[in-house]
Amino acid sequence: MQTFVLEPNWAARLRRRQRSPKANDRKSALTRLSSHRMFGRTCMPQNRSRKKLGQSLVETAITLPLLLMLALGVTDIGRAFYYREGVVNATRQAVRLAVNKANHTTGNLACAANGSSPATLTTTIPGSGVSALNTIANQVALESSSNGLPAGSAVNGATLTVTWHCSSGLAVTNSTNGGITDPGDSRSDAISARIVFQLQLITPFIYPFTGPSFTLGQTELGRAEY
């Protein structure tokens, strides 16, 4: 005797769909779509991160040289201000020493062979050779020295020039100036000091405009105190 089992209507329909080729095709398509979406979600961020990394490397390669040149340029500007102050202070010290009574004989030595024409002595800082200006030059060097020695001067290697007005082979003094105080008049007791310093640059891209160095110069005037 056979026994029949009645299935619900929904179960029968499900079985028929599973056996249908179209249903299998739809199932495969849905599986592929899910895999594609999952694959895309995992790989797209990696691709983007690689692109961003490459872009960052290119930007760094372009901007780093510019930033380096800018930093060196700012450094040279700072150095220029520093050495400019050193030259100004050293020149003021030089004229203070030159007008002092202790250096009256230095002025006379400069004027000995000049008659009544202005006489000039030049030396380097610190003093070298047998120049009569060595004493003044060494004292000027100490004004900006970093170690208390003339060789430690910030303006080491600069040129110092001192000019005296002369009368009859002697430096003009308070008593021989004839009451003339105009420093532009060679009969006055004016004394001038000038320092010239060559600042070496460290920024190559400035060289086409200034060369590897440029000149810092300062002139100061004073009246003899003797």
N, C-alpha and C. Protein backbone atom coordinates (compact mmCIF):
# COMPACT_ATOMS: atom_id res chain seq x y z
N MET A 1 0.85 -1.19 0.00
CA MET A 1 0.00 0.00 0.00
C MET A 1 0.88 1.24 0.00
N GLN A 2 0.70 2.14 -0.94
CA GLN A 2 1.53 3.35 -1.07
C GLN A 2 1.00 4.47 -0.19
N THR A 3 2.01 5.21 0.33
CA THR A 3 1.66 6.36 1.20
C THR A 3 2.07 7.64 0.51
N PHE A 4 1.20 8.56 0.41
CA PHE A 4 1.47 9.84 -0.27
C PHE A 4 1.64 10.94 0.78
N VAL A 5 2.72 11.72 0.54
CA VAL A 5 2.99 12.86 1.45
C VAL A 5 2.72 14.15 0.69
N LEU A 6 1.82 14.89 1.18
CA LEU A 6 1.46 16.14 0.51
C LEU A 6 2.38 17.26 0.99
N GLU A 7 3.03 17.95 0.06
CA GLU A 7 3.92 19.07 0.40
C GLU A 7 3.15 20.37 0.33
N PRO A 8 3.52 21.30 1.12
CA PRO A 8 2.90 22.63 1.00
C PRO A 8 3.20 23.22 -0.37
N ASN A 9 2.35 24.11 -0.78
CA ASN A 9 2.52 24.74 -2.10
C ASN A 9 3.85 25.50 -2.21
N TRP A 10 4.29 26.18 -1.17
CA TRP A 10 5.53 26.98 -1.25
C TRP A 10 6.76 26.10 -1.40
N ALA A 11 6.71 24.87 -0.77
CA ALA A 11 7.86 23.97 -0.89
C ALA A 11 7.99 23.45 -2.31
N ALA A 12 6.86 23.15 -2.91
CA ALA A 12 6.89 22.65 -4.29
C ALA A 12 7.41 23.71 -5.25
N ARG A 13 6.97 24.92 -5.06
CA ARG A 13 7.45 26.00 -5.95
C ARG A 13 8.95 26.21 -5.80
N LEU A 14 9.47 26.13 -4.55
CA LEU A 14 10.90 26.31 -4.31
C LEU A 14 11.71 25.25 -5.01
N ARG A 15 11.22 23.99 -4.96
CA ARG A 15 11.94 22.91 -5.62
C ARG A 15 12.00 23.14 -7.14
N ARG A 16 10.89 23.56 -7.68
CA ARG A 16 10.87 23.81 -9.13
C ARG A 16 11.83 24.93 -9.53
N ARG A 17 11.91 25.96 -8.73
CA ARG A 17 12.83 27.08 -9.05
C ARG A 17 14.29 26.65 -8.97
N GLN A 18 14.60 25.81 -7.96
CA GLN A 18 15.98 25.35 -7.82
C GLN A 18 16.41 24.49 -8.99
N ARG A 19 15.43 23.72 -9.54
CA ARG A 19 15.76 22.89 -10.70
C ARG A 19 15.79 23.68 -12.00
N SER A 20 15.28 24.91 -11.98
CA SER A 20 15.23 25.72 -13.20
C SER A 20 16.61 26.28 -13.56
N PRO A 21 17.08 26.21 -14.83
CA PRO A 21 18.38 26.79 -15.26
C PRO A 21 18.46 28.28 -15.04
N LYS A 22 17.35 28.96 -15.24
CA LYS A 22 17.36 30.41 -15.05
C LYS A 22 17.63 30.78 -13.60
N ALA A 23 17.09 30.01 -12.72
CA ALA A 23 17.34 30.29 -11.29
C ALA A 23 18.81 30.10 -10.95
N ASN A 24 19.40 29.05 -11.51
CA ASN A 24 20.83 28.83 -11.26
C ASN A 24 21.67 29.97 -11.82
N ASP A 25 21.29 30.46 -13.00
CA ASP A 25 22.04 31.57 -13.60
C ASP A 25 21.93 32.82 -12.74
N ARG A 26 20.72 33.09 -12.23
CA ARG A 26 20.55 34.26 -11.37
C ARG A 26 21.38 34.12 -10.09
N LYS A 27 21.39 32.92 -9.56
CA LYS A 27 22.17 32.69 -8.33
C LYS A 27 23.66 32.92 -8.58
N SER A 28 24.16 32.43 -9.71
CA SER A 28 25.57 32.64 -10.04
C SER A 28 25.89 34.11 -10.24
N ALA A 29 24.94 34.80 -10.89
CA ALA A 29 25.15 36.24 -11.11
C ALA A 29 25.20 37.00 -9.80
N LEU A 30 24.28 36.64 -8.89
CA LEU A 30 24.28 37.30 -7.58
C LEU A 30 25.57 37.00 -6.81
N THR A 31 26.05 35.77 -6.92
CA THR A 31 27.30 35.40 -6.24
C THR A 31 28.48 36.20 -6.78
N ARG A 32 28.55 36.33 -8.12
CA ARG A 32 29.64 37.10 -8.73
C ARG A 32 29.56 38.57 -8.34
N LEU A 33 28.33 39.11 -8.30
CA LEU A 33 28.15 40.51 -7.94
C LEU A 33 28.60 40.77 -6.51
N SER A 34 28.24 39.83 -5.61
CA SER A 34 28.66 39.98 -4.21
C SER A 34 30.17 39.92 -4.09
N SER A 35 30.78 38.98 -4.83
CA SER A 35 32.24 38.86 -4.79
C SER A 35 32.91 40.11 -5.34
N HIS A 36 32.34 40.65 -6.40
CA HIS A 36 32.93 41.85 -7.00
C HIS A 36 32.86 43.03 -6.05
N ARG A 37 31.70 43.16 -5.40
CA ARG A 37 31.56 44.27 -4.45
C ARG A 37 32.52 44.12 -3.28
N MET A 38 32.62 42.92 -2.76
CA MET A 38 33.52 42.69 -1.64
C MET A 38 34.97 42.91 -2.05
N PHE A 39 35.32 42.46 -3.26
CA PHE A 39 36.69 42.66 -3.75
C PHE A 39 36.99 44.14 -3.94
N GLY A 40 36.02 44.86 -4.47
CA GLY A 40 36.22 46.29 -4.69
C GLY A 40 36.39 47.05 -3.40
N ARG A 41 35.62 46.65 -2.40
CA ARG A 41 35.72 47.35 -1.13
C ARG A 41 37.07 47.14 -0.47
N THR A 42 37.65 45.98 -0.66
CA THR A 42 38.94 45.71 -0.03
C THR A 42 40.11 46.28 -0.83
N CYS A 43 39.99 46.40 -2.15
CA CYS A 43 41.13 46.80 -2.97
C CYS A 43 41.17 48.28 -3.30
N MET A 44 40.01 48.92 -3.41
CA MET A 44 40.01 50.33 -3.79
C MET A 44 40.77 51.21 -2.81
N PRO A 45 40.63 51.05 -1.48
CA PRO A 45 41.43 51.88 -0.56
C PRO A 45 42.92 51.67 -0.74
N GLN A 46 43.33 50.40 -1.05
CA GLN A 46 44.75 50.16 -1.25
C GLN A 46 45.26 50.90 -2.48
N ASN A 47 44.48 50.87 -3.55
CA ASN A 47 44.89 51.59 -4.76
C ASN A 47 44.98 53.09 -4.50
N ARG A 48 44.00 53.60 -3.76
CA ARG A 48 44.02 55.03 -3.45
C ARG A 48 45.22 55.40 -2.60
N SER A 49 45.55 54.56 -1.61
CA SER A 49 46.70 54.87 -0.75
C SER A 49 47.99 54.87 -1.55
N ARG A 50 48.11 53.95 -2.53
CA ARG A 50 49.31 53.93 -3.36
C ARG A 50 49.41 55.21 -4.20
N LYS A 51 48.27 55.64 -4.74
CA LYS A 51 48.27 56.87 -5.54
C LYS A 51 48.64 58.08 -4.69
N LYS A 52 48.08 58.14 -3.47
CA LYS A 52 48.39 59.26 -2.59
C LYS A 52 49.86 59.27 -2.20
N LEU A 53 50.42 58.07 -1.95
CA LEU A 53 51.84 57.99 -1.60
C LEU A 53 52.71 58.48 -2.75
N GLY A 54 52.39 58.05 -3.97
CA GLY A 54 53.16 58.52 -5.13
C GLY A 54 53.04 60.02 -5.33
N GLN A 55 51.84 60.54 -5.12
CA GLN A 55 51.63 61.99 -5.26
C GLN A 55 52.43 62.75 -4.22
N SER A 56 52.46 62.24 -2.99
CA SER A 56 53.22 62.91 -1.92
C SER A 56 54.71 62.92 -2.22
N LEU A 57 55.23 61.82 -2.78
CA LEU A 57 56.65 61.77 -3.12
C LEU A 57 57.00 62.78 -4.20
N VAL A 58 56.14 62.91 -5.19
CA VAL A 58 56.39 63.89 -6.26
C VAL A 58 56.35 65.31 -5.71
N GLU A 59 55.36 65.60 -4.87
CA GLU A 59 55.26 66.94 -4.28
C GLU A 59 56.48 67.26 -3.42
N THR A 60 56.94 66.26 -2.67
CA THR A 60 58.13 66.47 -1.83
C THR A 60 59.36 66.74 -2.69
N ALA A 61 59.51 65.99 -3.77
CA ALA A 61 60.67 66.19 -4.66
C ALA A 61 60.67 67.58 -5.28
N ILE A 62 59.48 68.14 -5.51
CA ILE A 62 59.40 69.47 -6.13
C ILE A 62 59.64 70.57 -5.10
N THR A 63 59.03 70.43 -3.92
CA THR A 63 59.06 71.52 -2.94
C THR A 63 60.31 71.52 -2.07
N LEU A 64 60.94 70.36 -1.86
CA LEU A 64 62.09 70.32 -0.94
C LEU A 64 63.24 71.21 -1.39
N PRO A 65 63.65 71.19 -2.68
CA PRO A 65 64.72 72.12 -3.09
C PRO A 65 64.35 73.58 -2.90
N LEU A 66 63.08 73.91 -3.16
CA LEU A 66 62.65 75.30 -2.97
C LEU A 66 62.71 75.70 -1.50
N LEU A 67 62.26 74.81 -0.63
CA LEU A 67 62.32 75.10 0.81
C LEU A 67 63.76 75.22 1.28
N LEU A 68 64.64 74.37 0.75
CA LEU A 68 66.05 74.43 1.14
C LEU A 68 66.68 75.74 0.72
N MET A 69 66.42 76.17 -0.52
CA MET A 69 66.97 77.45 -0.99
C MET A 69 66.41 78.62 -0.20
N LEU A 70 65.13 78.55 0.16
CA LEU A 70 64.53 79.61 0.96
C LEU A 70 65.17 79.67 2.33
N ALA A 71 65.42 78.51 2.93
CA ALA A 71 66.05 78.49 4.26
C ALA A 71 67.47 79.06 4.20
N LEU A 72 68.22 78.69 3.16
CA LEU A 72 69.58 79.23 3.02
C LEU A 72 69.55 80.73 2.77
N GLY A 73 68.57 81.19 1.97
CA GLY A 73 68.45 82.63 1.73
C GLY A 73 68.17 83.40 3.00
N VAL A 74 67.27 82.87 3.82
CA VAL A 74 66.97 83.52 5.11
C VAL A 74 68.21 83.52 6.00
N THR A 75 68.96 82.42 5.96
CA THR A 75 70.20 82.35 6.76
C THR A 75 71.19 83.42 6.32
N ASP A 76 71.35 83.60 5.01
CA ASP A 76 72.28 84.63 4.51
C ASP A 76 71.82 86.04 4.90
N ILE A 77 70.51 86.26 4.88
CA ILE A 77 70.01 87.58 5.30
C ILE A 77 70.33 87.83 6.76
N GLY A 78 70.14 86.81 7.59
CA GLY A 78 70.49 86.94 9.00
C GLY A 78 71.97 87.18 9.21
N ARG A 79 72.81 86.47 8.45
CA ARG A 79 74.26 86.67 8.55
C ARG A 79 74.64 88.08 8.11
N ALA A 80 73.97 88.58 7.08
CA ALA A 80 74.28 89.93 6.60
C ALA A 80 73.99 90.97 7.68
N PHE A 81 72.86 90.83 8.37
CA PHE A 81 72.55 91.76 9.45
C PHE A 81 73.58 91.65 10.57
N TYR A 82 73.97 90.43 10.91
CA TYR A 82 74.94 90.23 11.99
C TYR A 82 76.28 90.89 11.66
N TYR A 83 76.80 90.60 10.47
CA TYR A 83 78.11 91.16 10.10
C TYR A 83 78.03 92.66 9.84
N ARG A 84 76.88 93.12 9.39
CA ARG A 84 76.71 94.57 9.22
C ARG A 84 76.86 95.28 10.55
N GLU A 85 76.23 94.74 11.59
CA GLU A 85 76.38 95.33 12.92
C GLU A 85 77.82 95.25 13.39
N GLY A 86 78.49 94.13 13.09
CA GLY A 86 79.89 94.00 13.47
C GLY A 86 80.77 95.04 12.81
N VAL A 87 80.53 95.30 11.53
CA VAL A 87 81.32 96.31 10.81
C VAL A 87 81.07 97.71 11.37
N VAL A 88 79.80 98.04 11.63
CA VAL A 88 79.47 99.37 12.17
C VAL A 88 80.12 99.58 13.53
N ASN A 89 79.99 98.59 14.41
CA ASN A 89 80.57 98.74 15.75
C ASN A 89 82.09 98.81 15.71
N ALA A 90 82.70 98.01 14.84
CA ALA A 90 84.16 98.04 14.72
C ALA A 90 84.65 99.39 14.19
N THR A 91 83.93 99.98 13.25
CA THR A 91 84.32 101.28 12.71
C THR A 91 84.21 102.38 13.76
N ARG A 92 83.16 102.33 14.55
CA ARG A 92 83.03 103.32 15.63
C ARG A 92 84.16 103.19 16.64
N GLN A 93 84.52 101.95 16.93
CA GLN A 93 85.64 101.74 17.85
C GLN A 93 86.94 102.25 17.25
N ALA A 94 87.12 102.06 15.95
CA ALA A 94 88.35 102.51 15.29
C ALA A 94 88.49 104.02 15.36
N VAL A 95 87.41 104.76 15.10
CA VAL A 95 87.52 106.22 15.13
C VAL A 95 87.69 106.72 16.56
N ARG A 96 87.09 106.03 17.55
CA ARG A 96 87.31 106.42 18.94
C ARG A 96 88.78 106.29 19.33
N LEU A 97 89.40 105.23 18.84
CA LEU A 97 90.82 105.03 19.14
C LEU A 97 91.70 106.01 18.38
N ALA A 98 91.35 106.28 17.12
CA ALA A 98 92.19 107.15 16.29
C ALA A 98 92.22 108.59 16.81
N VAL A 99 91.10 109.07 17.36
CA VAL A 99 91.07 110.46 17.83
C VAL A 99 91.65 110.60 19.24
N ASN A 100 91.93 109.47 19.88
CA ASN A 100 92.47 109.52 21.24
C ASN A 100 93.90 110.04 21.25
N LYS A 101 94.24 110.76 22.32
CA LYS A 101 95.58 111.36 22.42
C LYS A 101 96.68 110.31 22.36
N ALA A 102 96.37 109.09 22.82
CA ALA A 102 97.39 108.04 22.83
C ALA A 102 97.85 107.68 21.42
N ASN A 103 97.06 107.99 20.41
CA ASN A 103 97.42 107.67 19.03
C ASN A 103 97.81 108.91 18.22
N HIS A 104 98.14 110.00 18.93
CA HIS A 104 98.61 111.21 18.24
C HIS A 104 99.86 110.92 17.42
N THR A 105 100.76 110.11 17.98
CA THR A 105 102.00 109.81 17.26
C THR A 105 101.73 109.00 15.98
N THR A 106 100.68 108.18 15.99
CA THR A 106 100.33 107.42 14.78
C THR A 106 99.93 108.36 13.67
N GLY A 107 99.17 109.42 14.02
CA GLY A 107 98.80 110.42 13.03
C GLY A 107 100.01 111.17 12.51
N ASN A 108 100.95 111.49 13.39
CA ASN A 108 102.16 112.19 12.95
C ASN A 108 102.99 111.31 12.01
N LEU A 109 103.06 110.01 12.31
CA LEU A 109 103.79 109.10 11.42
C LEU A 109 103.14 109.05 10.04
N ALA A 110 101.81 109.06 10.01
CA ALA A 110 101.11 109.03 8.73
C ALA A 110 101.35 110.30 7.93
N CYS A 111 101.43 111.47 8.62
CA CYS A 111 101.56 112.76 7.95
C CYS A 111 103.01 113.14 7.64
N ALA A 112 103.96 112.37 8.16
CA ALA A 112 105.37 112.76 8.04
C ALA A 112 105.79 112.99 6.60
N ALA A 113 105.29 112.21 5.68
CA ALA A 113 105.72 112.33 4.28
C ALA A 113 104.65 112.97 3.40
N ASN A 114 103.64 113.58 4.02
CA ASN A 114 102.54 114.11 3.22
C ASN A 114 102.42 115.63 3.24
N GLY A 115 103.26 116.30 4.00
CA GLY A 115 103.17 117.75 4.05
C GLY A 115 101.84 118.19 4.61
N SER A 116 101.04 118.85 3.77
CA SER A 116 99.73 119.35 4.22
C SER A 116 98.57 118.64 3.52
N SER A 117 98.86 117.48 2.94
CA SER A 117 97.80 116.68 2.30
C SER A 117 97.31 115.61 3.27
N PRO A 118 96.05 115.22 3.17
CA PRO A 118 95.55 114.15 4.05
C PRO A 118 96.38 112.88 3.89
N ALA A 119 96.63 112.22 5.01
CA ALA A 119 97.44 111.00 5.02
C ALA A 119 96.56 109.82 5.42
N THR A 120 96.80 108.70 4.78
CA THR A 120 95.99 107.51 5.01
C THR A 120 96.87 106.32 5.33
N LEU A 121 96.47 105.56 6.34
CA LEU A 121 97.12 104.29 6.67
C LEU A 121 96.08 103.18 6.56
N THR A 122 96.52 102.04 6.02
CA THR A 122 95.61 100.91 5.82
C THR A 122 96.25 99.63 6.33
N THR A 123 95.44 98.80 6.97
CA THR A 123 95.89 97.49 7.43
C THR A 123 94.68 96.56 7.51
N THR A 124 94.95 95.32 7.83
CA THR A 124 93.86 94.35 7.99
C THR A 124 93.52 94.19 9.47
N ILE A 125 92.38 93.60 9.71
CA ILE A 125 91.94 93.30 11.08
C ILE A 125 91.95 91.78 11.25
N PRO A 126 92.72 91.28 12.23
CA PRO A 126 93.63 92.00 13.14
C PRO A 126 94.87 92.49 12.40
N GLY A 127 95.63 93.34 13.08
CA GLY A 127 96.79 93.95 12.47
C GLY A 127 97.83 92.93 12.02
N SER A 128 98.52 93.27 10.93
CA SER A 128 99.56 92.38 10.41
C SER A 128 100.71 93.22 9.89
N GLY A 129 101.86 92.60 9.77
CA GLY A 129 103.03 93.31 9.27
C GLY A 129 103.55 94.33 10.27
N VAL A 130 104.08 95.45 9.74
CA VAL A 130 104.68 96.48 10.61
C VAL A 130 103.91 97.79 10.50
N SER A 131 102.65 97.72 10.15
CA SER A 131 101.85 98.93 10.00
C SER A 131 101.73 99.66 11.32
N ALA A 132 101.76 101.00 11.23
CA ALA A 132 101.58 101.82 12.43
C ALA A 132 100.16 101.69 12.99
N LEU A 133 99.26 101.13 12.18
CA LEU A 133 97.87 100.96 12.61
C LEU A 133 97.63 99.65 13.35
N ASN A 134 98.66 98.84 13.53
CA ASN A 134 98.46 97.53 14.13
C ASN A 134 97.81 97.60 15.51
N THR A 135 98.25 98.57 16.32
CA THR A 135 97.69 98.70 17.67
C THR A 135 96.20 98.99 17.60
N ILE A 136 95.83 99.95 16.75
CA ILE A 136 94.41 100.28 16.60
C ILE A 136 93.64 99.08 16.04
N ALA A 137 94.21 98.42 15.02
CA ALA A 137 93.53 97.30 14.38
C ALA A 137 93.28 96.15 15.36
N ASN A 138 94.25 95.86 16.20
CA ASN A 138 94.09 94.77 17.17
C ASN A 138 93.04 95.12 18.23
N GLN A 139 93.03 96.37 18.65
CA GLN A 139 92.02 96.78 19.62
C GLN A 139 90.62 96.78 19.01
N VAL A 140 90.53 97.14 17.75
CA VAL A 140 89.25 97.07 17.04
C VAL A 140 88.78 95.62 16.93
N ALA A 141 89.71 94.71 16.66
CA ALA A 141 89.36 93.29 16.54
C ALA A 141 88.79 92.75 17.85
N LEU A 142 89.31 93.21 18.97
CA LEU A 142 88.82 92.74 20.26
C LEU A 142 87.38 93.16 20.52
N GLU A 143 86.94 94.24 19.87
CA GLU A 143 85.59 94.76 20.12
C GLU A 143 84.51 93.73 19.77
N SER A 144 84.76 92.90 18.75
CA SER A 144 83.77 91.90 18.33
C SER A 144 84.32 90.48 18.42
N SER A 145 85.34 90.29 19.29
CA SER A 145 85.96 88.98 19.39
C SER A 145 85.08 88.01 20.18
N SER A 146 85.06 86.77 19.74
CA SER A 146 84.27 85.75 20.43
C SER A 146 85.07 84.99 21.47
N ASN A 147 86.39 85.15 21.46
CA ASN A 147 87.23 84.42 22.41
C ASN A 147 88.22 85.31 23.16
N GLY A 148 88.06 86.63 23.05
CA GLY A 148 88.95 87.54 23.76
C GLY A 148 90.29 87.76 23.08
N LEU A 149 90.45 87.24 21.87
CA LEU A 149 91.69 87.40 21.11
C LEU A 149 91.39 88.12 19.80
N PRO A 150 92.37 88.88 19.27
CA PRO A 150 92.13 89.58 18.00
C PRO A 150 91.70 88.64 16.87
N ALA A 151 92.26 87.42 16.86
CA ALA A 151 91.93 86.48 15.78
C ALA A 151 90.49 86.01 15.83
N GLY A 152 89.81 86.19 16.97
CA GLY A 152 88.42 85.77 17.10
C GLY A 152 87.42 86.82 16.69
N SER A 153 87.88 87.89 16.05
CA SER A 153 86.99 88.98 15.66
C SER A 153 85.97 88.53 14.63
N ALA A 154 84.74 89.06 14.75
CA ALA A 154 83.70 88.76 13.77
C ALA A 154 84.04 89.32 12.40
N VAL A 155 84.86 90.38 12.36
CA VAL A 155 85.23 91.01 11.09
C VAL A 155 86.66 90.67 10.72
N ASN A 156 87.09 89.48 11.11
CA ASN A 156 88.45 89.03 10.80
C ASN A 156 88.67 89.05 9.29
N GLY A 157 89.76 89.69 8.86
CA GLY A 157 90.07 89.81 7.44
C GLY A 157 89.59 91.09 6.81
N ALA A 158 88.86 91.91 7.56
CA ALA A 158 88.39 93.19 7.02
C ALA A 158 89.56 94.16 6.85
N THR A 159 89.35 95.19 6.05
CA THR A 159 90.37 96.21 5.80
C THR A 159 90.02 97.47 6.58
N LEU A 160 90.99 97.97 7.34
CA LEU A 160 90.82 99.20 8.12
C LEU A 160 91.65 100.31 7.49
N THR A 161 91.00 101.45 7.26
CA THR A 161 91.68 102.62 6.71
C THR A 161 91.38 103.83 7.59
N VAL A 162 92.43 104.52 8.03
CA VAL A 162 92.28 105.72 8.86
C VAL A 162 92.95 106.88 8.14
N THR A 163 92.25 108.02 8.09
CA THR A 163 92.75 109.20 7.38
C THR A 163 92.85 110.38 8.34
N TRP A 164 94.04 111.03 8.33
CA TRP A 164 94.28 112.24 9.14
C TRP A 164 94.46 113.44 8.21
N HIS A 165 94.04 114.60 8.68
CA HIS A 165 94.39 115.85 8.00
C HIS A 165 95.74 116.30 8.52
N CYS A 166 96.58 116.76 7.59
CA CYS A 166 97.96 117.09 7.95
C CYS A 166 98.26 118.57 7.73
N SER A 167 99.23 119.04 8.48
CA SER A 167 99.73 120.42 8.33
C SER A 167 101.22 120.41 8.61
N SER A 168 102.01 120.73 7.58
CA SER A 168 103.47 120.78 7.70
C SER A 168 104.04 119.46 8.22
N GLY A 169 103.52 118.34 7.73
CA GLY A 169 104.05 117.03 8.08
C GLY A 169 103.59 116.50 9.42
N LEU A 170 102.63 117.17 10.05
CA LEU A 170 102.10 116.71 11.34
C LEU A 170 100.58 116.63 11.27
N ALA A 171 100.01 115.75 12.08
CA ALA A 171 98.55 115.64 12.13
C ALA A 171 97.96 116.91 12.72
N VAL A 172 96.89 117.40 12.12
CA VAL A 172 96.22 118.61 12.62
C VAL A 172 95.61 118.32 13.99
N THR A 173 95.79 119.25 14.91
CA THR A 173 95.26 119.11 16.26
C THR A 173 94.27 120.23 16.56
N ASN A 174 93.72 120.22 17.80
CA ASN A 174 92.80 121.29 18.20
C ASN A 174 93.45 122.66 18.11
N SER A 175 94.74 122.70 18.39
CA SER A 175 95.43 123.99 18.44
C SER A 175 95.95 124.44 17.08
N THR A 176 95.95 123.55 16.09
CA THR A 176 96.48 123.93 14.78
C THR A 176 95.41 123.90 13.68
N ASN A 177 94.16 123.77 14.05
CA ASN A 177 93.11 123.69 13.03
C ASN A 177 92.61 125.06 12.59
N GLY A 178 93.10 126.13 13.21
CA GLY A 178 92.70 127.48 12.82
C GLY A 178 91.23 127.74 13.04
N GLY A 179 90.61 127.01 13.95
CA GLY A 179 89.19 127.20 14.23
C GLY A 179 88.27 126.56 13.22
N ILE A 180 88.83 125.79 12.29
CA ILE A 180 88.02 125.12 11.26
C ILE A 180 87.59 123.75 11.77
N THR A 181 86.30 123.52 11.79
CA THR A 181 85.77 122.25 12.31
C THR A 181 85.02 121.44 11.25
N ASP A 182 84.87 122.00 10.07
CA ASP A 182 84.18 121.27 9.00
C ASP A 182 85.02 120.05 8.60
N PRO A 183 84.50 118.82 8.78
CA PRO A 183 85.31 117.64 8.46
C PRO A 183 85.66 117.53 6.98
N GLY A 184 84.92 118.23 6.12
CA GLY A 184 85.24 118.20 4.70
C GLY A 184 86.40 119.11 4.33
N ASP A 185 86.84 119.95 5.26
CA ASP A 185 87.96 120.87 5.03
C ASP A 185 89.24 120.20 5.52
N SER A 186 90.24 120.12 4.65
CA SER A 186 91.49 119.43 4.99
C SER A 186 92.27 120.15 6.08
N ARG A 187 91.88 121.38 6.44
CA ARG A 187 92.58 122.10 7.51
C ARG A 187 91.99 121.80 8.89
N SER A 188 90.88 121.05 8.92
CA SER A 188 90.26 120.73 10.21
C SER A 188 90.98 119.56 10.87
N ASP A 189 90.63 119.33 12.14
CA ASP A 189 91.26 118.24 12.89
C ASP A 189 90.43 116.95 12.80
N ALA A 190 89.66 116.83 11.74
CA ALA A 190 88.81 115.64 11.57
C ALA A 190 89.66 114.41 11.25
N ILE A 191 89.23 113.29 11.76
CA ILE A 191 89.86 112.00 11.49
C ILE A 191 88.75 111.03 11.08
N SER A 192 88.98 110.30 10.02
CA SER A 192 87.97 109.35 9.55
C SER A 192 88.51 107.92 9.60
N ALA A 193 87.62 107.00 9.87
CA ALA A 193 87.96 105.57 9.87
C ALA A 193 86.96 104.84 8.99
N ARG A 194 87.45 103.92 8.19
CA ARG A 194 86.58 103.14 7.31
C ARG A 194 86.98 101.67 7.39
N ILE A 195 85.97 100.81 7.49
CA ILE A 195 86.20 99.36 7.49
C ILE A 195 85.39 98.76 6.35
N VAL A 196 86.05 97.88 5.59
CA VAL A 196 85.41 97.17 4.48
C VAL A 196 85.56 95.67 4.73
N PHE A 197 84.43 94.96 4.67
CA PHE A 197 84.42 93.52 4.95
C PHE A 197 83.70 92.79 3.83
N GLN A 198 84.30 91.70 3.35
CA GLN A 198 83.69 90.88 2.31
C GLN A 198 82.93 89.71 2.96
N LEU A 199 81.62 89.73 2.81
CA LEU A 199 80.78 88.67 3.38
C LEU A 199 80.62 87.55 2.35
N GLN A 200 81.07 86.36 2.72
CA GLN A 200 80.94 85.20 1.85
C GLN A 200 79.54 84.59 2.01
N LEU A 201 78.84 84.42 0.89
CA LEU A 201 77.48 83.89 0.92
C LEU A 201 77.49 82.37 0.90
N ILE A 202 76.42 81.78 1.43
CA ILE A 202 76.30 80.32 1.44
C ILE A 202 75.14 79.85 0.57
N THR A 203 74.45 80.78 -0.09
CA THR A 203 73.30 80.44 -0.93
C THR A 203 73.68 80.57 -2.40
N PRO A 204 73.88 79.45 -3.11
CA PRO A 204 74.37 79.53 -4.49
C PRO A 204 73.44 80.28 -5.44
N PHE A 205 72.10 80.19 -5.25
CA PHE A 205 71.22 80.81 -6.24
C PHE A 205 71.25 82.33 -6.18
N ILE A 206 71.90 82.92 -5.16
CA ILE A 206 72.05 84.38 -5.10
C ILE A 206 73.27 84.84 -5.91
N TYR A 207 74.19 83.92 -6.20
CA TYR A 207 75.44 84.27 -6.88
C TYR A 207 75.23 85.05 -8.18
N PRO A 208 74.24 84.69 -9.03
CA PRO A 208 74.08 85.47 -10.28
C PRO A 208 73.78 86.94 -10.04
N PHE A 209 73.25 87.28 -8.87
CA PHE A 209 72.88 88.67 -8.59
C PHE A 209 73.96 89.41 -7.80
N THR A 210 74.64 88.72 -6.89
CA THR A 210 75.61 89.39 -6.02
C THR A 210 77.02 88.83 -6.15
N GLY A 211 77.18 87.68 -6.80
CA GLY A 211 78.45 87.01 -6.78
C GLY A 211 78.56 86.19 -5.50
N PRO A 212 79.67 85.47 -5.31
CA PRO A 212 79.82 84.64 -4.10
C PRO A 212 79.99 85.44 -2.82
N SER A 213 80.17 86.75 -2.94
CA SER A 213 80.31 87.60 -1.75
C SER A 213 79.85 89.01 -2.10
N PHE A 214 79.55 89.79 -1.07
CA PHE A 214 79.29 91.20 -1.32
C PHE A 214 79.91 92.02 -0.20
N THR A 215 80.10 93.31 -0.47
CA THR A 215 80.89 94.18 0.39
C THR A 215 80.02 94.88 1.42
N LEU A 216 80.50 94.84 2.67
CA LEU A 216 79.91 95.62 3.75
C LEU A 216 80.93 96.69 4.13
N GLY A 217 80.55 97.94 4.06
CA GLY A 217 81.48 99.03 4.38
C GLY A 217 80.83 100.07 5.27
N GLN A 218 81.65 100.70 6.10
CA GLN A 218 81.16 101.74 7.00
C GLN A 218 82.26 102.77 7.22
N THR A 219 81.87 104.05 7.23
CA THR A 219 82.80 105.15 7.49
C THR A 219 82.29 105.98 8.65
N GLU A 220 83.18 106.31 9.58
CA GLU A 220 82.83 107.15 10.73
C GLU A 220 83.83 108.29 10.83
N LEU A 221 83.35 109.45 11.29
CA LEU A 221 84.19 110.64 11.46
C LEU A 221 84.27 111.04 12.92
N GLY A 222 85.40 111.63 13.28
CA GLY A 222 85.57 112.16 14.63
C GLY A 222 86.56 113.31 14.60
N ARG A 223 86.63 114.05 15.71
CA ARG A 223 87.60 115.15 15.82
C ARG A 223 88.68 114.75 16.82
N ALA A 224 89.90 115.18 16.50
CA ALA A 224 91.03 114.85 17.37
C ALA A 224 90.79 115.37 18.79
N GLU A 225 91.14 114.56 19.77
CA GLU A 225 90.99 114.94 21.18
C GLU A 225 92.32 115.44 21.76
N TYR A 226 93.21 115.90 20.89
CA TYR A 226 94.51 116.40 21.34
C TYR A 226 94.85 117.69 20.62
